[in-house]
C-alpha atoms as a PDB file:
ATOM      1  CA  MET A   1      47.116  25.607  28.960  1.00  0.00           C
ATOM      2  CA  ALA A   2      45.182  24.091  31.845  1.00  0.00           C
ATOM      3  CA  VAL A   3      42.303  26.408  31.086  1.00  0.00           C
ATOM      4  CA  ASP A   4      41.782  24.825  27.647  1.00  0.00           C
ATOM      5  CA  PHE A   5      41.365  21.353  29.114  1.00  0.00           C
ATOM      6  CA  VAL A   6      38.855  22.599  31.659  1.00  0.00           C
ATOM      7  CA  GLU A   7      36.800  24.350  28.979  1.00  0.00           C
ATOM      8  CA  LYS A   8      36.749  21.212  26.780  1.00  0.00           C
ATOM      9  CA  LYS A   9      35.584  19.103  29.714  1.00  0.00           C
ATOM     10  CA  LYS A  10      32.790  21.589  30.446  1.00  0.00           C
ATOM     11  CA  LYS A  11      31.663  21.514  26.812  1.00  0.00           C
ATOM     12  CA  GLN A  12      31.683  17.721  26.800  1.00  0.00           C
ATOM     13  CA  LYS A  13      29.744  17.667  30.064  1.00  0.00           C
ATOM     14  CA  TYR A  14      27.062  19.978  28.653  1.00  0.00           C
ATOM     15  CA  LEU A  15      26.949  18.001  25.441  1.00  0.00           C
ATOM     16  CA  LEU A  16      26.472  14.772  27.407  1.00  0.00           C
ATOM     17  CA  PHE A  17      23.554  16.285  29.345  1.00  0.00           C
ATOM     18  CA  ILE A  18      21.959  17.552  26.135  1.00  0.00           C
ATOM     19  CA  VAL A  19      22.248  14.147  24.424  1.00  0.00           C
ATOM     20  CA  LEU A  20      20.869  12.317  27.481  1.00  0.00           C
ATOM     21  CA  GLY A  21      17.998  14.799  27.681  1.00  0.00           C
ATOM     22  CA  LEU A  22      17.139  14.301  24.014  1.00  0.00           C
ATOM     23  CA  LEU A  23      17.218  10.520  24.464  1.00  0.00           C
ATOM     24  CA  ALA A  24      14.916  10.779  27.481  1.00  0.00           C
ATOM     25  CA  ILE A  25      12.462  12.999  25.579  1.00  0.00           C
ATOM     26  CA  THR A  26      12.502  10.602  22.606  1.00  0.00           C
ATOM     27  CA  ALA A  27      11.883   7.620  24.906  1.00  0.00           C
ATOM     28  CA  VAL A  28       8.908   9.359  26.557  1.00  0.00           C
ATOM     29  CA  ILE A  29       7.388  10.314  23.201  1.00  0.00           C
ATOM     30  CA  LEU A  30       7.779   6.771  21.871  1.00  0.00           C
ATOM     31  CA  TRP A  31       6.369   5.235  25.045  1.00  0.00           C
ATOM     32  CA  PHE A  32       3.221   7.349  25.178  1.00  0.00           C
ATOM     33  CA  GLY A  33       2.715   7.709  21.445  1.00  0.00           C
ATOM     34  CA  TYR A  34       3.532   4.289  20.057  1.00  0.00           C
ATOM     35  CA  PHE A  35       4.107   1.499  22.561  1.00  0.00           C
ATOM     36  CA  ASN A  36       1.337   2.399  24.993  1.00  0.00           C
ATOM     37  CA  GLN A  37      -1.508   2.135  22.468  1.00  0.00           C
ATOM     38  CA  GLU A  38      -4.257  -0.423  22.879  1.00  0.00           C
ATOM     39  CA  PRO A  39      -4.598  -2.894  20.022  1.00  0.00           C
ATOM     40  CA  GLU A  40      -7.255  -1.957  17.523  1.00  0.00           C
ATOM     41  CA  GLN A  41     -10.435  -3.983  17.604  1.00  0.00           C
ATOM     42  CA  PRO A  42     -11.585  -5.370  14.258  1.00  0.00           C
ATOM     43  CA  GLU A  43     -14.710  -3.838  12.849  1.00  0.00           C
ATOM     44  CA  GLU A  44     -17.874  -5.878  13.017  1.00  0.00           C
ATOM     45  CA  VAL A  45     -18.877  -7.316   9.689  1.00  0.00           C
ATOM     46  CA  TYR A  46     -22.493  -8.124   8.967  1.00  0.00           C
ATOM     47  CA  ILE A  47     -23.358 -10.565   6.208  1.00  0.00           C
ATOM     48  CA  VAL A  48     -26.800 -10.141   4.750  1.00  0.00           C
ATOM     49  CA  LYS A  49     -28.173 -13.014   2.724  1.00  0.00           C
ATOM     50  CA  LYS A  50     -30.804 -12.170   0.164  1.00  0.00           C
ATOM     51  CA  ASN A  51     -32.696 -14.359  -2.230  1.00  0.00           C
ATOM     52  CA  VAL A  52     -31.999 -13.329  -5.797  1.00  0.00           C
ATOM     53  CA  LYS A  53     -34.506 -14.065  -8.531  1.00  0.00           C
ATOM     54  CA  ILE A  54     -33.314 -13.997 -12.114  1.00  0.00           C
ATOM     55  CA  ASN A  55     -35.865 -13.044 -14.741  1.00  0.00           C
ATOM     56  CA  TYR A  56     -35.134 -15.198 -17.799  1.00  0.00           C
ATOM     57  CA  GLU A  57     -38.123 -13.841 -19.713  1.00  0.00           C
ATOM     58  CA  ILE A  58     -35.970 -10.944 -20.942  1.00  0.00           C
ATOM     59  CA  LEU A  59     -34.065 -13.431 -23.109  1.00  0.00           C
ATOM     60  CA  ASP A  60     -37.268 -14.117 -25.089  1.00  0.00           C
ATOM     61  CA  ASN A  61     -37.153 -10.583 -26.510  1.00  0.00           C
ATOM     62  CA  PRO A  62     -37.297 -10.700 -30.372  1.00  0.00           C
ATOM     63  CA  ILE A  63     -34.489  -8.139 -30.663  1.00  0.00           C
ATOM     64  CA  LEU A  64     -32.127 -10.453 -28.808  1.00  0.00           C
ATOM     65  CA  LYS A  65     -33.090 -13.388 -31.042  1.00  0.00           C
ATOM     66  CA  GLU A  66     -31.941 -11.432 -34.130  1.00  0.00           C
ATOM     67  CA  LEU A  67     -28.382 -11.161 -32.821  1.00  0.00           C
ATOM     68  CA  VAL A  68     -25.788 -13.236 -34.630  1.00  0.00           C
ATOM     69  CA  SER A  69     -22.501 -14.325 -33.099  1.00  0.00           C
ATOM     70  CA  PHE A  70     -19.231 -13.124 -34.598  1.00  0.00           C
ATOM     71  CA  GLN A  71     -17.392 -15.274 -37.081  1.00  0.00           C
ATOM     72  CA  LYS A  72     -13.964 -16.531 -36.149  1.00  0.00           C
ATOM     73  CA  THR A  73     -11.271 -14.127 -37.291  1.00  0.00           C
ATOM     74  CA  PRO A  74      -8.787 -15.683 -39.717  1.00  0.00           C
ATOM     75  CA  ASP A  75      -5.194 -16.243 -38.647  1.00  0.00           C
ATOM     76  CA  TYR A  76      -2.578 -13.783 -39.912  1.00  0.00           C
ATOM     77  CA  ASP A  77      -0.573 -15.190 -42.829  1.00  0.00           C
ATOM     78  CA  GLY A  78       2.054 -12.444 -43.113  1.00  0.00           C
ATOM     79  CA  VAL A  79       5.369 -11.897 -41.393  1.00  0.00           C
ATOM     80  CA  LEU A  80       5.032 -10.921 -37.725  1.00  0.00           C
ATOM     81  CA  GLY A  81       8.107  -8.682 -37.385  1.00  0.00           C
ATOM     82  CA  LYS A  82      11.701  -9.341 -36.395  1.00  0.00           C
ATOM     83  CA  SER A  83      12.786 -12.293 -34.327  1.00  0.00           C
ATOM     84  CA  ASN A  84      14.370  -9.872 -31.809  1.00  0.00           C
ATOM     85  CA  PRO A  85      12.536  -6.518 -31.729  1.00  0.00           C
ATOM     86  CA  PHE A  86      15.339  -4.862 -29.720  1.00  0.00           C
ATOM     87  CA  LEU A  87      17.870  -5.199 -32.535  1.00  0.00           C
ATOM     88  CA  LYS A  88      18.056  -2.373 -35.058  1.00  0.00           C
END
């Protein structure tokens, strides 16, 4: 019977070392991969100002003068469906 207790203690001891080793490896990976990074520098943004000239002479085209605006569409006089569309 004493042998069983000794074997369980050995297994627990090995398991403890394995868990501590995994925690140490995880801590090293996180330290060098995530926490030890330098903050990113923002990219430089250049704003270029240009003078824009609009050519209004294109609006004097005779084809554009022949265009007529749309008439207002009449309102619908019929029934617009059920009061609650989710009811059958």
